[in-house]
Amino acid sequence: MISYDHSIKVYYRDIDRMGVVYYTRYLEYFEAARTEMLKSIGLIVTDIENEGFFLPVVSAHCDYKEGARFEDEIIIRTSINEKPKARLRIDYEVLRGDSVLASGHTIHGFTDHDGNAKRPPEMFMTVMKKYF
């Protein structure tokens, strides 16, 4: 298992008229946390791309429980709980203190630069072997 906590402060640009984080921003938070989690284990997204691979999101899901508000300090807890095969699932929890505000996941495929499905690159799987 891989787990990473990414801190984010909620800014005015993130909220809607009701004063809570606009629902699509959570997917942007997921993306930032995912990029930083991969970096923390030695997988830089641009390095993966330079090896000839993309890691597109093929599915995204988010359950909203309670809204984050302006100036909240939140944590995006990001995890990979199973060894990737043809696809990679990344799970997320959005936390304010002990409260879970939202949870979700993204599923990623591996493609070449022409969009053709591929097996995960060797360099990616070498890093994954350290955790699974």
Protein backbone atom coordinates (compact mmCIF):
# COMPACT_ATOMS: atom_id res chain seq x y z
CA MET A 1 0.00 0.00 0.00
CA ILE A 2 1.10 3.55 -0.76
CA SER A 3 -0.34 6.48 1.17
CA TYR A 4 0.38 10.20 0.97
CA ASP A 5 -1.16 13.25 2.65
CA HIS A 6 -1.32 16.45 0.61
CA SER A 7 -2.24 19.72 2.35
CA ILE A 8 -4.36 22.34 0.62
CA LYS A 9 -5.77 25.65 1.82
CA VAL A 10 -9.19 26.58 0.47
CA TYR A 11 -9.13 29.94 -1.28
CA TYR A 12 -11.98 32.23 -2.27
CA ARG A 13 -11.63 31.06 -5.88
CA ASP A 14 -12.58 27.53 -4.73
CA ILE A 15 -15.97 28.31 -3.22
CA ASP A 16 -19.44 28.77 -4.66
CA ARG A 17 -22.21 31.21 -3.65
CA MET A 18 -23.14 28.96 -0.74
CA GLY A 19 -19.65 29.38 0.69
CA VAL A 20 -18.55 25.78 0.16
CA VAL A 21 -15.95 24.35 -2.19
CA TYR A 22 -17.44 23.97 -5.66
CA TYR A 23 -17.84 20.25 -6.41
CA THR A 24 -15.50 20.10 -9.43
CA ARG A 25 -12.61 21.52 -7.41
CA TYR A 26 -12.37 18.21 -5.55
CA LEU A 27 -11.25 16.52 -8.77
CA GLU A 28 -8.57 19.20 -9.12
CA TYR A 29 -7.51 18.53 -5.53
CA PHE A 30 -7.33 14.82 -6.39
CA GLU A 31 -5.07 15.61 -9.34
CA ALA A 32 -2.68 17.74 -7.29
CA ALA A 33 -2.51 15.11 -4.54
CA ARG A 34 -2.00 12.29 -7.06
CA THR A 35 0.87 14.11 -8.76
CA GLU A 36 2.58 14.79 -5.43
CA MET A 37 2.03 11.22 -4.20
CA LEU A 38 3.64 9.78 -7.33
CA LYS A 39 6.52 12.24 -6.99
CA SER A 40 7.02 11.21 -3.34
CA ILE A 41 7.74 7.62 -4.43
CA GLY A 42 10.00 8.60 -7.31
CA LEU A 43 7.51 8.61 -10.19
CA ILE A 44 7.57 12.00 -11.88
CA VAL A 45 4.70 12.39 -14.34
CA THR A 46 6.89 14.06 -16.98
CA ASP A 47 9.40 11.20 -16.69
CA ILE A 48 6.59 8.71 -17.39
CA GLU A 49 5.56 10.82 -20.40
CA ASN A 50 9.17 11.02 -21.60
CA GLU A 51 9.26 7.20 -21.54
CA GLY A 52 6.44 7.29 -24.12
CA PHE A 53 3.42 6.79 -21.83
CA PHE A 54 0.40 8.75 -20.70
CA LEU A 55 -1.70 7.90 -17.67
CA PRO A 56 -5.17 9.22 -18.59
CA VAL A 57 -8.09 9.20 -16.18
CA VAL A 58 -10.66 6.75 -17.54
CA SER A 59 -13.05 7.03 -14.59
CA ALA A 60 -13.49 9.49 -11.72
CA HIS A 61 -15.83 9.25 -8.75
CA CYS A 62 -16.42 11.48 -5.74
CA ASP A 63 -18.89 11.21 -2.84
CA TYR A 64 -19.53 14.49 -1.06
CA LYS A 65 -20.31 14.35 2.65
CA GLU A 66 -19.66 17.85 4.02
CA GLY A 67 -18.43 21.00 2.33
CA ALA A 68 -15.03 22.52 2.90
CA ARG A 69 -15.17 26.29 3.39
CA PHE A 70 -13.05 29.35 2.66
CA GLU A 71 -9.66 29.28 4.45
CA ASP A 72 -10.09 25.68 5.65
CA GLU A 73 -6.86 23.72 5.81
CA ILE A 74 -7.67 20.31 4.34
CA ILE A 75 -5.73 17.14 3.71
CA ILE A 76 -6.16 15.02 0.61
CA ARG A 77 -5.18 11.51 1.74
CA THR A 78 -4.20 9.66 -1.41
CA SER A 79 -3.53 5.95 -1.61
CA ILE A 80 -2.84 3.07 -3.95
CA ASN A 81 -4.18 -0.02 -2.22
CA GLU A 82 -3.54 -2.68 -4.83
CA LYS A 83 -0.77 -3.42 -7.31
CA PRO A 84 -1.59 -1.90 -10.70
CA LYS A 85 -2.15 -4.24 -13.62
CA ALA A 86 -3.57 -2.88 -16.86
CA ARG A 87 -5.14 -0.06 -14.86
CA LEU A 88 -4.24 1.95 -11.80
CA ARG A 89 -6.79 2.86 -9.12
CA ILE A 90 -6.03 5.73 -6.76
CA ASP A 91 -8.25 6.38 -3.72
CA TYR A 92 -8.79 9.74 -2.01
CA GLU A 93 -10.18 11.05 1.26
CA VAL A 94 -10.61 14.77 1.85
CA LEU A 95 -10.16 15.52 5.54
CA ARG A 96 -10.64 18.53 7.77
CA GLY A 97 -9.25 17.42 11.10
CA ASP A 98 -10.92 14.09 11.83
CA SER A 99 -13.92 14.78 9.56
CA VAL A 100 -14.12 13.12 6.15
CA LEU A 101 -15.53 15.76 3.80
CA ALA A 102 -15.39 13.71 0.61
CA SER A 103 -14.03 10.44 -0.70
CA GLY A 104 -13.48 9.10 -4.15
CA HIS A 105 -11.21 7.42 -6.62
CA THR A 106 -9.78 7.73 -10.09
CA ILE A 107 -8.94 4.91 -12.46
CA HIS A 108 -6.13 5.40 -14.95
CA GLY A 109 -5.15 3.51 -18.06
CA PHE A 110 -1.71 3.39 -19.60
CA THR A 111 -1.40 4.52 -23.21
CA ASP A 112 1.29 5.41 -25.68
CA HIS A 113 1.33 8.94 -27.07
CA ASP A 114 -1.04 7.86 -29.85
CA GLY A 115 -3.68 6.79 -27.31
CA ASN A 116 -3.16 3.04 -27.73
CA ALA A 117 -3.61 0.99 -24.55
CA LYS A 118 -0.34 -0.37 -23.17
CA ARG A 119 0.89 -2.34 -20.21
CA PRO A 120 2.38 -0.18 -17.44
CA PRO A 121 5.94 0.91 -18.22
CA GLU A 122 8.76 -1.10 -16.65
CA MET A 123 10.06 1.87 -14.67
CA PHE A 124 6.60 2.32 -13.16
CA MET A 125 6.30 -1.34 -12.20
CA THR A 126 9.82 -1.37 -10.72
CA VAL A 127 8.74 1.31 -8.25
CA MET A 128 5.44 -0.48 -7.52
CA LYS A 129 7.33 -3.68 -6.62
CA LYS A 130 8.74 -1.84 -3.59
CA TYR A 131 5.23 -1.51 -2.17
CA PHE A 132 3.35 -4.61 -3.34
